[in-house]
Amino acid sequence: MRFPLPCSRDKEFSQTMMPPHQLPAGPPVEWSKKAIACIILACIGFATLWLVFGLFIAAIAAVCGHLARHEMTVHPFRGRRLASLGLGLSYGSMLLFPILVLIVAISFPAFNKWRSDQDAGLKASSRASASRLFVACEAYARANRDHYPKDWKALSGRFLPAGDLAELLHSPYPGGGNEAFELVLHDRPVLEAISDSVIVIQEIAPSQVPEIAVVYANGSVATLHNPAYEKP
């Protein structure tokens, strides 16, 4: 018994019914190195944004992020979210940089003015304390045959309340001592012709203060260079 041979139409039908052989498509395994570089550089750029080179690092991170996203359209690499996060952080850093520059430009002169006002206030407080101490010393001299006190304790009680004396002697400057003024030995009585050049009270200021307050025998208060000053 003979069977009929399959014709060409039957062969085409059988080939169309059989599914083609395909390899299973799994998820990408390898990470994109450009995406990893993007997120690392973006974090470094954001952390060092207060420095000038932080802006350039953020720009490099943005370039790496764009290259990573383009690479992932060609090759099945992982790291798309890392690249997107790095791009957002890098562009955010670049946009934030001019705002920081503007803030610094505005705040720096304001800070200098505040510091200058603080120094002026401390100098005024020092001069006021020296002037009040001079008045107390002159009162002591009138009551003691024109002799100045040998130390500040002699003024306590009768010529100055103890609390006021301690407050006047305390240095207004940070790091100053509790006895920031000293009595300068001088001959009494002081001639009027030289009373504007004889120092009777002198301030003891910390080494970071460039000037000290002095009181002359005629009662005038001035500022002189601090001999203990050390330039920072």
N, C-alpha and C. Protein backbone atom coordinates (compact mmCIF):
# COMPACT_ATOMS: atom_id res chain seq x y z
N MET A 1 0.85 -1.19 0.00
CA MET A 1 0.00 0.00 0.00
C MET A 1 0.88 1.23 0.00
N ARG A 2 0.67 2.10 -0.88
CA ARG A 2 1.47 3.31 -0.98
C ARG A 2 0.68 4.51 -0.42
N PHE A 3 1.46 5.34 0.34
CA PHE A 3 0.89 6.59 0.85
C PHE A 3 1.29 7.75 -0.04
N PRO A 4 0.45 8.67 -0.20
CA PRO A 4 0.80 9.81 -1.06
C PRO A 4 1.89 10.67 -0.43
N LEU A 5 2.81 11.08 -1.23
CA LEU A 5 3.91 11.94 -0.77
C LEU A 5 3.38 13.33 -0.44
N PRO A 6 3.94 13.95 0.60
CA PRO A 6 3.47 15.29 0.96
C PRO A 6 3.86 16.28 -0.10
N CYS A 7 2.97 17.12 -0.42
CA CYS A 7 3.25 18.14 -1.42
C CYS A 7 3.90 19.36 -0.77
N SER A 8 4.29 20.29 -1.59
CA SER A 8 4.97 21.50 -1.08
C SER A 8 4.04 22.35 -0.23
N ARG A 9 2.73 22.33 -0.53
CA ARG A 9 1.79 23.13 0.25
C ARG A 9 1.69 22.59 1.68
N ASP A 10 1.73 21.25 1.82
CA ASP A 10 1.70 20.66 3.18
C ASP A 10 2.93 21.03 3.97
N LYS A 11 4.10 21.11 3.32
CA LYS A 11 5.34 21.46 4.03
C LYS A 11 5.25 22.90 4.55
N GLU A 12 4.74 23.81 3.72
CA GLU A 12 4.64 25.21 4.15
C GLU A 12 3.66 25.34 5.32
N PHE A 13 2.56 24.56 5.28
CA PHE A 13 1.59 24.60 6.36
C PHE A 13 2.19 24.13 7.68
N SER A 14 2.99 23.03 7.60
CA SER A 14 3.61 22.49 8.81
C SER A 14 4.65 23.43 9.39
N GLN A 15 5.37 24.16 8.53
CA GLN A 15 6.38 25.09 9.01
C GLN A 15 5.75 26.30 9.69
N THR A 16 4.60 26.71 9.14
CA THR A 16 3.94 27.87 9.77
C THR A 16 3.32 27.52 11.11
N MET A 17 2.94 26.27 11.32
CA MET A 17 2.32 25.85 12.58
C MET A 17 3.35 25.63 13.68
N MET A 18 4.60 25.35 13.35
CA MET A 18 5.63 25.08 14.36
C MET A 18 6.21 26.41 14.85
N PRO A 19 6.26 26.64 16.15
CA PRO A 19 6.81 27.91 16.69
C PRO A 19 8.30 27.97 16.49
N PRO A 20 8.83 29.12 16.15
CA PRO A 20 10.28 29.23 15.98
C PRO A 20 10.99 29.06 17.31
N HIS A 21 12.26 28.65 17.27
CA HIS A 21 13.07 28.44 18.47
C HIS A 21 13.63 29.78 18.95
N GLN A 22 13.28 30.24 20.19
CA GLN A 22 13.75 31.51 20.75
C GLN A 22 14.43 31.26 22.08
N LEU A 23 15.47 32.11 22.36
CA LEU A 23 16.16 32.05 23.64
C LEU A 23 15.38 32.85 24.67
N PRO A 24 15.29 32.39 25.89
CA PRO A 24 14.56 33.15 26.92
C PRO A 24 15.24 34.48 27.21
N ALA A 25 14.41 35.53 27.16
CA ALA A 25 14.96 36.87 27.42
C ALA A 25 14.84 37.17 28.91
N GLY A 26 16.00 37.21 29.66
CA GLY A 26 16.01 37.49 31.09
C GLY A 26 16.31 38.96 31.36
N PRO A 27 16.18 39.41 32.61
CA PRO A 27 16.47 40.80 32.96
C PRO A 27 17.96 41.09 32.84
N PRO A 28 18.36 42.36 32.57
CA PRO A 28 19.79 42.69 32.47
C PRO A 28 20.49 42.50 33.81
N VAL A 29 21.70 42.00 33.74
CA VAL A 29 22.47 41.68 34.95
C VAL A 29 23.57 42.70 35.20
N GLU A 30 24.23 43.15 34.17
CA GLU A 30 25.38 44.04 34.31
C GLU A 30 24.93 45.48 34.55
N TRP A 31 25.63 46.14 35.51
CA TRP A 31 25.32 47.53 35.82
C TRP A 31 26.09 48.46 34.88
N SER A 32 25.49 49.58 34.58
CA SER A 32 26.15 50.59 33.76
C SER A 32 27.18 51.34 34.60
N LYS A 33 28.42 51.29 34.16
CA LYS A 33 29.48 51.99 34.90
C LYS A 33 29.29 53.50 34.83
N LYS A 34 28.75 53.97 33.74
CA LYS A 34 28.53 55.42 33.62
C LYS A 34 27.44 55.88 34.57
N ALA A 35 26.43 55.04 34.79
CA ALA A 35 25.38 55.41 35.75
C ALA A 35 25.93 55.45 37.17
N ILE A 36 26.80 54.49 37.50
CA ILE A 36 27.41 54.48 38.83
C ILE A 36 28.30 55.70 39.02
N ALA A 37 29.10 56.03 37.98
CA ALA A 37 29.94 57.21 38.06
C ALA A 37 29.10 58.48 38.18
N CYS A 38 27.96 58.49 37.53
CA CYS A 38 27.08 59.67 37.59
C CYS A 38 26.60 59.93 39.00
N ILE A 39 26.08 58.92 39.69
CA ILE A 39 25.53 59.14 41.03
C ILE A 39 26.63 59.46 42.04
N ILE A 40 27.82 58.85 41.87
CA ILE A 40 28.92 59.13 42.79
C ILE A 40 29.40 60.56 42.61
N LEU A 41 29.63 60.98 41.37
CA LEU A 41 30.11 62.34 41.11
C LEU A 41 29.06 63.37 41.49
N ALA A 42 27.78 63.05 41.29
CA ALA A 42 26.73 63.99 41.67
C ALA A 42 26.70 64.22 43.18
N CYS A 43 26.89 63.15 43.95
CA CYS A 43 26.93 63.30 45.42
C CYS A 43 28.15 64.11 45.86
N ILE A 44 29.31 63.84 45.23
CA ILE A 44 30.51 64.60 45.59
C ILE A 44 30.35 66.07 45.21
N GLY A 45 29.77 66.32 44.03
CA GLY A 45 29.57 67.70 43.62
C GLY A 45 28.62 68.46 44.53
N PHE A 46 27.56 67.79 44.98
CA PHE A 46 26.62 68.44 45.89
C PHE A 46 27.26 68.72 47.24
N ALA A 47 28.08 67.76 47.73
CA ALA A 47 28.72 67.93 49.04
C ALA A 47 29.78 69.02 49.02
N THR A 48 30.42 69.22 47.88
CA THR A 48 31.48 70.23 47.77
C THR A 48 31.03 71.44 46.97
N LEU A 49 29.72 71.70 46.97
CA LEU A 49 29.20 72.79 46.17
C LEU A 49 29.66 74.14 46.69
N TRP A 50 29.96 74.24 47.99
CA TRP A 50 30.43 75.51 48.55
C TRP A 50 31.82 75.85 48.07
N LEU A 51 32.52 74.85 47.48
CA LEU A 51 33.79 75.10 46.82
C LEU A 51 33.55 75.25 45.33
N VAL A 52 34.50 75.86 44.63
CA VAL A 52 34.29 76.14 43.21
C VAL A 52 34.29 74.86 42.40
N PHE A 53 35.18 73.91 42.73
CA PHE A 53 35.29 72.71 41.90
C PHE A 53 34.10 71.79 42.05
N GLY A 54 33.27 71.99 43.07
CA GLY A 54 32.06 71.18 43.20
C GLY A 54 31.12 71.38 42.04
N LEU A 55 31.10 72.60 41.47
CA LEU A 55 30.26 72.88 40.31
C LEU A 55 30.72 72.09 39.10
N PHE A 56 32.04 71.99 38.90
CA PHE A 56 32.57 71.25 37.75
C PHE A 56 32.33 69.74 37.91
N ILE A 57 32.41 69.24 39.14
CA ILE A 57 32.14 67.83 39.37
C ILE A 57 30.67 67.52 39.06
N ALA A 58 29.78 68.42 39.44
CA ALA A 58 28.36 68.23 39.13
C ALA A 58 28.13 68.23 37.62
N ALA A 59 28.85 69.07 36.89
CA ALA A 59 28.71 69.10 35.43
C ALA A 59 29.20 67.79 34.80
N ILE A 60 30.31 67.25 35.31
CA ILE A 60 30.81 65.97 34.81
C ILE A 60 29.81 64.86 35.11
N ALA A 61 29.18 64.92 36.28
CA ALA A 61 28.17 63.92 36.63
C ALA A 61 26.99 63.98 35.68
N ALA A 62 26.58 65.17 35.26
CA ALA A 62 25.48 65.29 34.32
C ALA A 62 25.84 64.67 32.97
N VAL A 63 27.08 64.88 32.53
CA VAL A 63 27.52 64.27 31.26
C VAL A 63 27.50 62.75 31.36
N CYS A 64 27.99 62.22 32.46
CA CYS A 64 27.98 60.75 32.65
C CYS A 64 26.55 60.22 32.69
N GLY A 65 25.64 60.97 33.28
CA GLY A 65 24.25 60.53 33.32
C GLY A 65 23.62 60.45 31.95
N HIS A 66 23.87 61.43 31.12
CA HIS A 66 23.33 61.41 29.76
C HIS A 66 23.95 60.28 28.93
N LEU A 67 25.24 60.05 29.09
CA LEU A 67 25.88 58.94 28.38
C LEU A 67 25.33 57.60 28.84
N ALA A 68 25.04 57.49 30.14
CA ALA A 68 24.50 56.24 30.66
C ALA A 68 23.11 55.97 30.11
N ARG A 69 22.28 56.99 30.06
CA ARG A 69 20.92 56.80 29.52
C ARG A 69 20.96 56.44 28.03
N HIS A 70 21.88 57.03 27.29
CA HIS A 70 22.00 56.68 25.88
C HIS A 70 22.53 55.25 25.73
N GLU A 71 23.45 54.87 26.60
CA GLU A 71 24.02 53.52 26.52
C GLU A 71 22.96 52.46 26.80
N MET A 72 22.03 52.76 27.69
CA MET A 72 21.01 51.79 28.04
C MET A 72 19.95 51.61 26.96
N THR A 73 19.88 52.54 26.00
CA THR A 73 18.98 52.34 24.86
C THR A 73 19.56 51.37 23.84
N VAL A 74 20.87 51.15 23.93
CA VAL A 74 21.55 50.24 22.99
C VAL A 74 21.82 48.90 23.64
N HIS A 75 22.28 48.92 24.89
CA HIS A 75 22.64 47.69 25.60
C HIS A 75 21.74 47.54 26.83
N PRO A 76 21.38 46.30 27.17
CA PRO A 76 20.48 46.08 28.32
C PRO A 76 21.22 46.15 29.65
N PHE A 77 21.69 47.35 30.03
CA PHE A 77 22.39 47.55 31.30
C PHE A 77 21.39 47.97 32.37
N ARG A 78 21.77 47.70 33.61
CA ARG A 78 21.00 48.17 34.75
C ARG A 78 21.53 49.53 35.20
N GLY A 79 20.70 50.28 35.91
CA GLY A 79 21.14 51.56 36.46
C GLY A 79 20.42 52.77 35.92
N ARG A 80 19.26 52.56 35.32
CA ARG A 80 18.52 53.70 34.77
C ARG A 80 18.08 54.66 35.88
N ARG A 81 17.66 54.10 36.99
CA ARG A 81 17.22 54.96 38.09
C ARG A 81 18.40 55.70 38.71
N LEU A 82 19.55 55.03 38.79
CA LEU A 82 20.73 55.71 39.30
C LEU A 82 21.11 56.89 38.41
N ALA A 83 21.07 56.67 37.10
CA ALA A 83 21.40 57.74 36.17
C ALA A 83 20.41 58.90 36.29
N SER A 84 19.12 58.59 36.43
CA SER A 84 18.12 59.65 36.57
C SER A 84 18.31 60.43 37.87
N LEU A 85 18.60 59.69 38.96
CA LEU A 85 18.83 60.36 40.24
C LEU A 85 20.08 61.22 40.18
N GLY A 86 21.14 60.71 39.57
CA GLY A 86 22.37 61.49 39.44
C GLY A 86 22.17 62.74 38.59
N LEU A 87 21.38 62.63 37.52
CA LEU A 87 21.09 63.79 36.69
C LEU A 87 20.32 64.85 37.47
N GLY A 88 19.32 64.41 38.22
CA GLY A 88 18.56 65.37 39.01
C GLY A 88 19.41 66.08 40.05
N LEU A 89 20.28 65.29 40.72
CA LEU A 89 21.12 65.89 41.75
C LEU A 89 22.16 66.82 41.16
N SER A 90 22.73 66.45 40.02
CA SER A 90 23.76 67.29 39.40
C SER A 90 23.16 68.59 38.87
N TYR A 91 22.00 68.51 38.20
CA TYR A 91 21.37 69.74 37.70
C TYR A 91 20.89 70.61 38.87
N GLY A 92 20.40 69.96 39.92
CA GLY A 92 20.01 70.74 41.09
C GLY A 92 21.18 71.47 41.72
N SER A 93 22.35 70.82 41.76
CA SER A 93 23.55 71.46 42.30
C SER A 93 23.97 72.65 41.45
N MET A 94 23.91 72.48 40.13
CA MET A 94 24.31 73.57 39.25
C MET A 94 23.35 74.75 39.34
N LEU A 95 22.07 74.49 39.56
CA LEU A 95 21.11 75.58 39.74
C LEU A 95 21.23 76.23 41.11
N LEU A 96 21.65 75.45 42.11
CA LEU A 96 21.78 75.98 43.46
C LEU A 96 23.04 76.83 43.64
N PHE A 97 24.06 76.58 42.81
CA PHE A 97 25.34 77.28 42.98
C PHE A 97 25.20 78.81 42.86
N PRO A 98 24.55 79.34 41.82
CA PRO A 98 24.43 80.80 41.77
C PRO A 98 23.62 81.39 42.92
N ILE A 99 22.67 80.61 43.45
CA ILE A 99 21.90 81.10 44.60
C ILE A 99 22.81 81.23 45.82
N LEU A 100 23.70 80.23 46.01
CA LEU A 100 24.65 80.30 47.13
C LEU A 100 25.61 81.46 46.96
N VAL A 101 26.06 81.69 45.73
CA VAL A 101 26.96 82.83 45.48
C VAL A 101 26.26 84.14 45.82
N LEU A 102 24.99 84.26 45.46
CA LEU A 102 24.24 85.48 45.75
C LEU A 102 24.07 85.67 47.25
N ILE A 103 23.79 84.57 47.96
CA ILE A 103 23.62 84.66 49.42
C ILE A 103 24.92 85.11 50.08
N VAL A 104 26.04 84.53 49.64
CA VAL A 104 27.34 84.90 50.21
C VAL A 104 27.67 86.36 49.90
N ALA A 105 27.38 86.77 48.66
CA ALA A 105 27.67 88.15 48.27
C ALA A 105 26.87 89.16 49.09
N ILE A 106 25.66 88.78 49.49
CA ILE A 106 24.84 89.69 50.29
C ILE A 106 25.23 89.64 51.76
N SER A 107 25.50 88.43 52.26
CA SER A 107 25.74 88.27 53.70
C SER A 107 27.15 88.69 54.12
N PHE A 108 28.13 88.64 53.21
CA PHE A 108 29.51 88.96 53.60
C PHE A 108 29.65 90.41 54.04
N PRO A 109 29.15 91.39 53.26
CA PRO A 109 29.23 92.77 53.77
C PRO A 109 28.43 92.98 55.05
N ALA A 110 27.29 92.31 55.15
CA ALA A 110 26.49 92.45 56.37
C ALA A 110 27.23 91.89 57.58
N PHE A 111 27.95 90.77 57.37
CA PHE A 111 28.71 90.19 58.47
C PHE A 111 29.86 91.11 58.88
N ASN A 112 30.53 91.71 57.90
CA ASN A 112 31.62 92.63 58.22
C ASN A 112 31.12 93.84 58.99
N LYS A 113 29.94 94.35 58.59
CA LYS A 113 29.37 95.48 59.31
C LYS A 113 28.99 95.09 60.73
N TRP A 114 28.40 93.89 60.89
CA TRP A 114 28.04 93.43 62.24
C TRP A 114 29.29 93.29 63.10
N ARG A 115 30.36 92.73 62.52
CA ARG A 115 31.59 92.56 63.29
C ARG A 115 32.21 93.90 63.64
N SER A 116 32.15 94.86 62.70
CA SER A 116 32.68 96.19 62.99
C SER A 116 31.89 96.87 64.10
N ASP A 117 30.57 96.70 64.07
CA ASP A 117 29.74 97.29 65.13
C ASP A 117 30.02 96.63 66.48
N GLN A 118 30.27 95.31 66.46
CA GLN A 118 30.60 94.63 67.70
C GLN A 118 31.91 95.15 68.28
N ASP A 119 32.93 95.31 67.43
CA ASP A 119 34.22 95.83 67.90
C ASP A 119 34.08 97.25 68.44
N ALA A 120 33.29 98.06 67.73
CA ALA A 120 33.09 99.43 68.18
C ALA A 120 32.37 99.47 69.54
N GLY A 121 31.41 98.57 69.71
CA GLY A 121 30.71 98.51 71.00
C GLY A 121 31.62 98.07 72.13
N LEU A 122 32.50 97.11 71.87
CA LEU A 122 33.44 96.66 72.91
C LEU A 122 34.44 97.76 73.26
N LYS A 123 34.90 98.50 72.25
CA LYS A 123 35.83 99.60 72.51
C LYS A 123 35.16 100.69 73.33
N ALA A 124 33.91 101.00 72.99
CA ALA A 124 33.19 102.03 73.75
C ALA A 124 32.97 101.60 75.19
N SER A 125 32.66 100.32 75.40
CA SER A 125 32.48 99.83 76.76
C SER A 125 33.79 99.90 77.55
N SER A 126 34.89 99.58 76.89
CA SER A 126 36.19 99.64 77.55
C SER A 126 36.56 101.07 77.94
N ARG A 127 36.33 102.00 77.03
CA ARG A 127 36.64 103.40 77.31
C ARG A 127 35.76 103.96 78.44
N ALA A 128 34.49 103.55 78.46
CA ALA A 128 33.59 104.02 79.51
C ALA A 128 34.03 103.49 80.87
N SER A 129 34.45 102.23 80.92
CA SER A 129 34.92 101.67 82.19
C SER A 129 36.18 102.38 82.67
N ALA A 130 37.10 102.66 81.74
CA ALA A 130 38.34 103.36 82.12
C ALA A 130 38.03 104.76 82.65
N SER A 131 37.06 105.43 82.04
CA SER A 131 36.71 106.77 82.48
C SER A 131 36.10 106.76 83.89
N ARG A 132 35.25 105.80 84.18
CA ARG A 132 34.66 105.71 85.51
C ARG A 132 35.71 105.35 86.57
N LEU A 133 36.65 104.51 86.20
CA LEU A 133 37.73 104.18 87.14
C LEU A 133 38.59 105.41 87.42
N PHE A 134 38.81 106.23 86.41
CA PHE A 134 39.59 107.46 86.61
C PHE A 134 38.86 108.40 87.58
N VAL A 135 37.56 108.54 87.43
CA VAL A 135 36.80 109.41 88.32
C VAL A 135 36.90 108.92 89.77
N ALA A 136 36.84 107.60 89.95
CA ALA A 136 36.96 107.05 91.30
C ALA A 136 38.36 107.26 91.86
N CYS A 137 39.38 107.14 91.02
CA CYS A 137 40.75 107.35 91.48
C CYS A 137 40.98 108.82 91.86
N GLU A 138 40.40 109.73 91.11
CA GLU A 138 40.54 111.15 91.43
C GLU A 138 39.84 111.47 92.76
N ALA A 139 38.70 110.85 92.98
CA ALA A 139 38.02 111.04 94.27
C ALA A 139 38.86 110.48 95.41
N TYR A 140 39.49 109.37 95.20
CA TYR A 140 40.38 108.79 96.21
C TYR A 140 41.56 109.73 96.46
N ALA A 141 42.11 110.30 95.39
CA ALA A 141 43.26 111.19 95.54
C ALA A 141 42.89 112.45 96.34
N ARG A 142 41.72 112.99 96.10
CA ARG A 142 41.31 114.18 96.85
C ARG A 142 41.13 113.88 98.33
N ALA A 143 40.77 112.64 98.65
CA ALA A 143 40.58 112.27 100.05
C ALA A 143 41.86 111.77 100.71
N ASN A 144 42.93 111.59 99.93
CA ASN A 144 44.17 111.02 100.47
C ASN A 144 45.39 111.84 100.03
N ARG A 145 45.31 113.14 100.19
CA ARG A 145 46.44 114.04 99.95
C ARG A 145 47.04 113.85 98.55
N ASP A 146 46.16 113.74 97.57
CA ASP A 146 46.55 113.66 96.16
C ASP A 146 47.37 112.41 95.85
N HIS A 147 47.13 111.33 96.59
CA HIS A 147 47.79 110.06 96.29
C HIS A 147 46.79 109.12 95.63
N TYR A 148 47.26 108.45 94.58
CA TYR A 148 46.43 107.45 93.91
C TYR A 148 46.44 106.15 94.71
N PRO A 149 45.42 105.34 94.61
CA PRO A 149 45.43 104.05 95.33
C PRO A 149 46.53 103.12 94.80
N LYS A 150 47.03 102.28 95.69
CA LYS A 150 48.06 101.34 95.28
C LYS A 150 47.47 100.15 94.53
N ASP A 151 46.22 99.82 94.82
CA ASP A 151 45.53 98.76 94.09
C ASP A 151 44.04 99.11 94.02
N TRP A 152 43.32 98.30 93.25
CA TRP A 152 41.90 98.61 93.03
C TRP A 152 41.03 98.34 94.25
N LYS A 153 41.50 97.50 95.14
CA LYS A 153 40.70 97.18 96.32
C LYS A 153 40.47 98.42 97.20
N ALA A 154 41.39 99.39 97.11
CA ALA A 154 41.24 100.60 97.93
C ALA A 154 40.03 101.43 97.52
N LEU A 155 39.51 101.20 96.30
CA LEU A 155 38.34 101.96 95.84
C LEU A 155 37.03 101.32 96.27
N SER A 156 37.08 100.06 96.70
CA SER A 156 35.86 99.32 97.00
C SER A 156 35.18 99.85 98.24
N GLY A 157 33.90 100.09 98.13
CA GLY A 157 33.11 100.52 99.27
C GLY A 157 32.83 102.01 99.26
N ARG A 158 33.81 102.83 99.60
CA ARG A 158 33.60 104.26 99.75
C ARG A 158 33.52 104.97 98.40
N PHE A 159 34.36 104.58 97.47
CA PHE A 159 34.43 105.30 96.20
C PHE A 159 33.71 104.59 95.06
N LEU A 160 33.57 103.30 95.18
CA LEU A 160 32.81 102.50 94.20
C LEU A 160 32.22 101.30 94.91
N PRO A 161 30.96 100.98 94.67
CA PRO A 161 30.42 99.73 95.21
C PRO A 161 31.24 98.54 94.71
N ALA A 162 31.34 97.53 95.54
CA ALA A 162 32.18 96.37 95.20
C ALA A 162 31.72 95.71 93.90
N GLY A 163 30.40 95.61 93.72
CA GLY A 163 29.89 94.99 92.49
C GLY A 163 30.20 95.81 91.26
N ASP A 164 30.07 97.15 91.38
CA ASP A 164 30.38 98.03 90.24
C ASP A 164 31.87 97.98 89.93
N LEU A 165 32.71 97.93 90.95
CA LEU A 165 34.15 97.88 90.73
C LEU A 165 34.55 96.60 89.99
N ALA A 166 33.98 95.48 90.40
CA ALA A 166 34.29 94.22 89.72
C ALA A 166 33.81 94.24 88.26
N GLU A 167 32.66 94.86 88.04
CA GLU A 167 32.13 94.94 86.68
C GLU A 167 32.97 95.85 85.80
N LEU A 168 33.46 96.95 86.36
CA LEU A 168 34.29 97.87 85.59
C LEU A 168 35.66 97.26 85.26
N LEU A 169 36.19 96.50 86.18
CA LEU A 169 37.51 95.90 85.96
C LEU A 169 37.46 94.72 84.99
N HIS A 170 36.30 94.11 84.84
CA HIS A 170 36.20 92.94 83.97
C HIS A 170 36.32 93.35 82.50
N SER A 171 37.09 92.59 81.74
CA SER A 171 37.31 92.92 80.33
C SER A 171 36.06 92.64 79.51
N PRO A 172 35.68 93.57 78.63
CA PRO A 172 34.52 93.32 77.77
C PRO A 172 34.83 92.40 76.59
N TYR A 173 36.10 92.12 76.34
CA TYR A 173 36.50 91.32 75.18
C TYR A 173 36.45 89.83 75.50
N PRO A 174 36.12 89.00 74.53
CA PRO A 174 36.16 87.54 74.75
C PRO A 174 37.58 87.10 75.11
N GLY A 175 37.68 86.30 76.13
CA GLY A 175 38.99 85.83 76.58
C GLY A 175 39.71 86.78 77.50
N GLY A 176 39.08 87.90 77.85
CA GLY A 176 39.71 88.87 78.75
C GLY A 176 39.64 88.43 80.21
N GLY A 177 40.45 89.08 81.04
CA GLY A 177 40.52 88.71 82.45
C GLY A 177 39.54 89.49 83.30
N ASN A 178 39.50 89.13 84.57
CA ASN A 178 38.62 89.80 85.52
C ASN A 178 39.18 91.14 85.98
N GLU A 179 40.46 91.37 85.78
CA GLU A 179 41.08 92.65 86.12
C GLU A 179 41.78 93.16 84.86
N ALA A 180 41.03 93.86 84.05
CA ALA A 180 41.51 94.26 82.72
C ALA A 180 42.12 95.66 82.70
N PHE A 181 42.30 96.29 83.87
CA PHE A 181 42.92 97.61 83.93
C PHE A 181 43.98 97.59 85.03
N GLU A 182 45.01 98.39 84.82
CA GLU A 182 46.07 98.52 85.81
C GLU A 182 46.38 99.99 86.06
N LEU A 183 46.79 100.27 87.29
CA LEU A 183 47.21 101.61 87.66
C LEU A 183 48.66 101.82 87.25
N VAL A 184 48.94 102.92 86.59
CA VAL A 184 50.30 103.24 86.14
C VAL A 184 50.93 104.20 87.14
N LEU A 185 52.08 103.82 87.66
CA LEU A 185 52.78 104.68 88.61
C LEU A 185 53.20 106.00 87.94
N HIS A 186 52.99 107.11 88.64
CA HIS A 186 53.36 108.42 88.13
C HIS A 186 53.54 109.37 89.31
N ASP A 187 54.25 110.42 89.08
CA ASP A 187 54.50 111.40 90.13
C ASP A 187 53.28 112.29 90.32
N ARG A 188 53.00 112.56 91.59
CA ARG A 188 51.88 113.44 91.95
C ARG A 188 52.44 114.66 92.67
N PRO A 189 51.91 115.82 92.50
CA PRO A 189 50.85 116.14 91.54
C PRO A 189 51.39 116.22 90.12
N VAL A 190 50.52 116.05 89.16
CA VAL A 190 50.89 116.10 87.75
C VAL A 190 50.76 117.54 87.27
N LEU A 191 51.84 118.03 86.65
CA LEU A 191 51.80 119.39 86.12
C LEU A 191 50.77 119.48 84.99
N GLU A 192 50.07 120.59 84.96
CA GLU A 192 49.03 120.76 83.95
C GLU A 192 49.60 120.75 82.54
N ALA A 193 50.84 121.20 82.39
CA ALA A 193 51.45 121.26 81.06
C ALA A 193 51.66 119.88 80.46
N ILE A 194 51.84 118.88 81.31
CA ILE A 194 52.10 117.52 80.79
C ILE A 194 50.97 116.55 81.15
N SER A 195 49.86 117.08 81.64
CA SER A 195 48.78 116.19 82.08
C SER A 195 48.13 115.44 80.93
N ASP A 196 48.31 115.95 79.70
CA ASP A 196 47.72 115.26 78.55
C ASP A 196 48.63 114.20 77.96
N SER A 197 49.79 113.95 78.61
CA SER A 197 50.72 112.94 78.12
C SER A 197 51.11 111.91 79.18
N VAL A 198 50.64 112.09 80.42
CA VAL A 198 50.96 111.16 81.51
C VAL A 198 49.80 110.17 81.65
N ILE A 199 50.11 108.89 81.43
CA ILE A 199 49.08 107.85 81.52
C ILE A 199 48.95 107.40 82.98
N VAL A 200 47.71 107.39 83.47
CA VAL A 200 47.48 106.98 84.86
C VAL A 200 46.76 105.63 84.94
N ILE A 201 45.99 105.27 83.93
CA ILE A 201 45.28 103.99 83.89
C ILE A 201 45.48 103.39 82.50
N GLN A 202 45.76 102.11 82.47
CA GLN A 202 46.01 101.43 81.19
C GLN A 202 45.25 100.10 81.17
N GLU A 203 44.70 99.78 80.02
CA GLU A 203 43.93 98.54 79.87
C GLU A 203 44.85 97.36 79.58
N ILE A 204 44.45 96.19 80.06
CA ILE A 204 45.13 94.93 79.75
C ILE A 204 44.16 94.11 78.89
N ALA A 205 44.41 94.07 77.59
CA ALA A 205 43.49 93.43 76.65
C ALA A 205 44.09 92.12 76.15
N PRO A 206 43.24 91.20 75.68
CA PRO A 206 43.76 89.94 75.11
C PRO A 206 44.63 90.20 73.87
N SER A 207 45.38 89.19 73.48
CA SER A 207 46.33 89.36 72.38
C SER A 207 45.67 89.56 71.03
N GLN A 208 44.39 89.20 70.88
CA GLN A 208 43.72 89.39 69.60
C GLN A 208 43.13 90.78 69.43
N VAL A 209 43.22 91.61 70.47
CA VAL A 209 42.70 92.98 70.41
C VAL A 209 43.83 93.92 70.00
N PRO A 210 43.68 94.66 68.90
CA PRO A 210 44.81 95.47 68.42
C PRO A 210 45.05 96.75 69.22
N GLU A 211 44.04 97.29 69.92
CA GLU A 211 44.20 98.55 70.63
C GLU A 211 43.68 98.43 72.05
N ILE A 212 44.25 99.24 72.92
CA ILE A 212 43.84 99.27 74.32
C ILE A 212 43.44 100.70 74.69
N ALA A 213 42.65 100.81 75.74
CA ALA A 213 42.23 102.12 76.23
C ALA A 213 43.20 102.59 77.31
N VAL A 214 43.51 103.87 77.26
CA VAL A 214 44.36 104.49 78.29
C VAL A 214 43.70 105.78 78.74
N VAL A 215 43.99 106.18 80.00
CA VAL A 215 43.46 107.42 80.55
C VAL A 215 44.65 108.29 80.98
N TYR A 216 44.64 109.52 80.49
CA TYR A 216 45.70 110.46 80.85
C TYR A 216 45.33 111.21 82.13
N ALA A 217 46.31 111.91 82.65
CA ALA A 217 46.12 112.59 83.94
C ALA A 217 45.08 113.70 83.86
N ASN A 218 44.82 114.23 82.69
CA ASN A 218 43.79 115.27 82.57
C ASN A 218 42.40 114.69 82.39
N GLY A 219 42.26 113.33 82.40
CA GLY A 219 40.97 112.68 82.30
C GLY A 219 40.57 112.27 80.90
N SER A 220 41.35 112.62 79.89
CA SER A 220 41.01 112.24 78.52
C SER A 220 41.31 110.76 78.30
N VAL A 221 40.43 110.11 77.55
CA VAL A 221 40.56 108.68 77.26
C VAL A 221 40.96 108.53 75.79
N ALA A 222 41.95 107.70 75.53
CA ALA A 222 42.42 107.47 74.17
C ALA A 222 42.70 105.99 73.98
N THR A 223 43.01 105.63 72.75
CA THR A 223 43.37 104.24 72.43
C THR A 223 44.78 104.22 71.87
N LEU A 224 45.55 103.24 72.31
CA LEU A 224 46.92 103.04 71.85
C LEU A 224 47.08 101.60 71.37
N HIS A 225 48.18 101.35 70.67
CA HIS A 225 48.46 100.01 70.19
C HIS A 225 48.68 99.05 71.36
N ASN A 226 48.08 97.90 71.27
CA ASN A 226 48.23 96.89 72.31
C ASN A 226 49.60 96.23 72.19
N PRO A 227 50.47 96.37 73.20
CA PRO A 227 51.80 95.76 73.09
C PRO A 227 51.76 94.23 73.05
N ALA A 228 50.67 93.63 73.50
CA ALA A 228 50.56 92.18 73.49
C ALA A 228 49.83 91.66 72.25
N TYR A 229 49.54 92.55 71.31
CA TYR A 229 48.76 92.16 70.13
C TYR A 229 49.53 91.18 69.24
N GLU A 230 48.85 90.11 68.83
CA GLU A 230 49.40 89.14 67.91
C GLU A 230 48.48 89.06 66.70
N LYS A 231 49.00 89.42 65.55
CA LYS A 231 48.20 89.45 64.33
C LYS A 231 47.81 88.03 63.93
N PRO A 232 46.52 87.76 63.68
CA PRO A 232 46.12 86.38 63.32
C PRO A 232 46.58 86.02 61.92
